[in-house]
């Protein structure tokens, strides 16, 4: 993660992967996030990830699969 303060509303995929890996207790990679974005996960105009919107998308996707 970068040394500056992280903005949870605008994280690079690399910072999001590192932050989510620590919080989830399992590896989350940039490749995994890139796949989610390709599958429709929302991003900001500059390609950053808003953790709240991403979490909501994950919940919606899980509900759609019957998980």
C-alpha atoms as a PDB file:
ATOM      1  CA  UNK A   1       0.000   0.000   0.000  1.00  0.00           C
ATOM      2  CA  UNK A   2       1.112   3.498  -0.628  1.00  0.00           C
ATOM      3  CA  UNK A   3       2.434   5.589   2.267  1.00  0.00           C
ATOM      4  CA  UNK A   4      -0.256   8.243   1.861  1.00  0.00           C
ATOM      5  CA  UNK A   5      -3.693   7.930   3.435  1.00  0.00           C
ATOM      6  CA  UNK A   6      -5.958   5.549   1.583  1.00  0.00           C
ATOM      7  CA  UNK A   7      -9.358   6.729   0.436  1.00  0.00           C
ATOM      8  CA  UNK A   8     -11.839   3.815   0.655  1.00  0.00           C
ATOM      9  CA  UNK A   9     -13.954   5.569  -1.967  1.00  0.00           C
ATOM     10  CA  UNK A  10     -11.088   5.586  -4.490  1.00  0.00           C
ATOM     11  CA  UNK A  11      -8.560   2.773  -4.103  1.00  0.00           C
ATOM     12  CA  UNK A  12      -6.243   1.502  -6.792  1.00  0.00           C
ATOM     13  CA  UNK A  13      -6.791  -2.180  -7.480  1.00  0.00           C
ATOM     14  CA  UNK A  14      -3.383  -2.934  -5.946  1.00  0.00           C
ATOM     15  CA  UNK A  15      -4.236  -1.081  -2.721  1.00  0.00           C
ATOM     16  CA  UNK A  16      -7.704  -2.660  -2.627  1.00  0.00           C
ATOM     17  CA  UNK A  17      -6.236  -6.142  -3.064  1.00  0.00           C
ATOM     18  CA  UNK A  18      -3.787  -5.622  -0.212  1.00  0.00           C
ATOM     19  CA  UNK A  19      -6.413  -4.104   2.075  1.00  0.00           C
ATOM     20  CA  UNK A  20      -9.003  -6.799   1.311  1.00  0.00           C
ATOM     21  CA  UNK A  21      -6.436  -9.572   1.762  1.00  0.00           C
ATOM     22  CA  UNK A  22      -5.688  -8.326   5.254  1.00  0.00           C
ATOM     23  CA  UNK A  23      -9.345  -7.895   6.164  1.00  0.00           C
ATOM     24  CA  UNK A  24     -10.532 -11.181   4.654  1.00  0.00           C
ATOM     25  CA  UNK A  25      -7.726 -13.311   6.022  1.00  0.00           C
ATOM     26  CA  UNK A  26      -7.274 -14.843   2.581  1.00  0.00           C
ATOM     27  CA  UNK A  27      -5.462 -13.745  -0.538  1.00  0.00           C
ATOM     28  CA  UNK A  28      -7.239 -11.254  -2.777  1.00  0.00           C
ATOM     29  CA  UNK A  29      -5.202 -10.459  -5.884  1.00  0.00           C
ATOM     30  CA  UNK A  30      -5.283  -7.668  -8.430  1.00  0.00           C
ATOM     31  CA  UNK A  31      -6.130 -10.316 -11.031  1.00  0.00           C
ATOM     32  CA  UNK A  32      -9.194 -11.334  -8.991  1.00  0.00           C
ATOM     33  CA  UNK A  33     -10.330  -7.717  -8.782  1.00  0.00           C
ATOM     34  CA  UNK A  34      -9.695  -7.189 -12.498  1.00  0.00           C
ATOM     35  CA  UNK A  35     -11.906 -10.201 -13.216  1.00  0.00           C
ATOM     36  CA  UNK A  36     -14.649  -8.789 -11.007  1.00  0.00           C
ATOM     37  CA  UNK A  37     -14.413  -5.468 -12.858  1.00  0.00           C
ATOM     38  CA  UNK A  38     -14.635  -7.331 -16.175  1.00  0.00           C
ATOM     39  CA  UNK A  39     -17.718  -9.103 -14.781  1.00  0.00           C
ATOM     40  CA  UNK A  40     -19.373  -5.771 -13.978  1.00  0.00           C
ATOM     41  CA  UNK A  41     -18.062  -4.623 -10.593  1.00  0.00           C
ATOM     42  CA  UNK A  42     -18.398  -0.830 -10.448  1.00  0.00           C
ATOM     43  CA  UNK A  43     -15.366   1.415 -10.666  1.00  0.00           C
ATOM     44  CA  UNK A  44     -14.884   5.142 -10.519  1.00  0.00           C
ATOM     45  CA  UNK A  45     -14.216   7.044 -13.756  1.00  0.00           C
ATOM     46  CA  UNK A  46     -10.446   6.825 -13.226  1.00  0.00           C
ATOM     47  CA  UNK A  47     -10.599   3.064 -12.647  1.00  0.00           C
ATOM     48  CA  UNK A  48     -10.334   3.106  -8.872  1.00  0.00           C
ATOM     49  CA  UNK A  49     -12.510   1.009  -6.608  1.00  0.00           C
ATOM     50  CA  UNK A  50     -15.023   2.317  -4.072  1.00  0.00           C
ATOM     51  CA  UNK A  51     -15.089  -0.334  -1.331  1.00  0.00           C
ATOM     52  CA  UNK A  52     -18.711   0.361  -0.369  1.00  0.00           C
ATOM     53  CA  UNK A  53     -19.964   0.034  -3.951  1.00  0.00           C
ATOM     54  CA  UNK A  54     -17.755  -3.016  -4.517  1.00  0.00           C
ATOM     55  CA  UNK A  55     -19.093  -4.711  -1.357  1.00  0.00           C
ATOM     56  CA  UNK A  56     -22.672  -3.994  -2.442  1.00  0.00           C
ATOM     57  CA  UNK A  57     -21.922  -5.475  -5.871  1.00  0.00           C
ATOM     58  CA  UNK A  58     -20.460  -8.609  -4.258  1.00  0.00           C
ATOM     59  CA  UNK A  59     -23.577  -9.045  -2.106  1.00  0.00           C
ATOM     60  CA  UNK A  60     -25.830  -8.594  -5.140  1.00  0.00           C
ATOM     61  CA  UNK A  61     -23.779 -11.063  -7.180  1.00  0.00           C
ATOM     62  CA  UNK A  62     -23.839 -13.624  -4.361  1.00  0.00           C
ATOM     63  CA  UNK A  63     -27.607 -13.282  -4.014  1.00  0.00           C
ATOM     64  CA  UNK A  64     -28.032 -13.775  -7.754  1.00  0.00           C
ATOM     65  CA  UNK A  65     -26.138 -17.060  -7.631  1.00  0.00           C
ATOM     66  CA  UNK A  66     -28.126 -18.369  -4.696  1.00  0.00           C
ATOM     67  CA  UNK A  67     -25.042 -18.341  -2.433  1.00  0.00           C
END
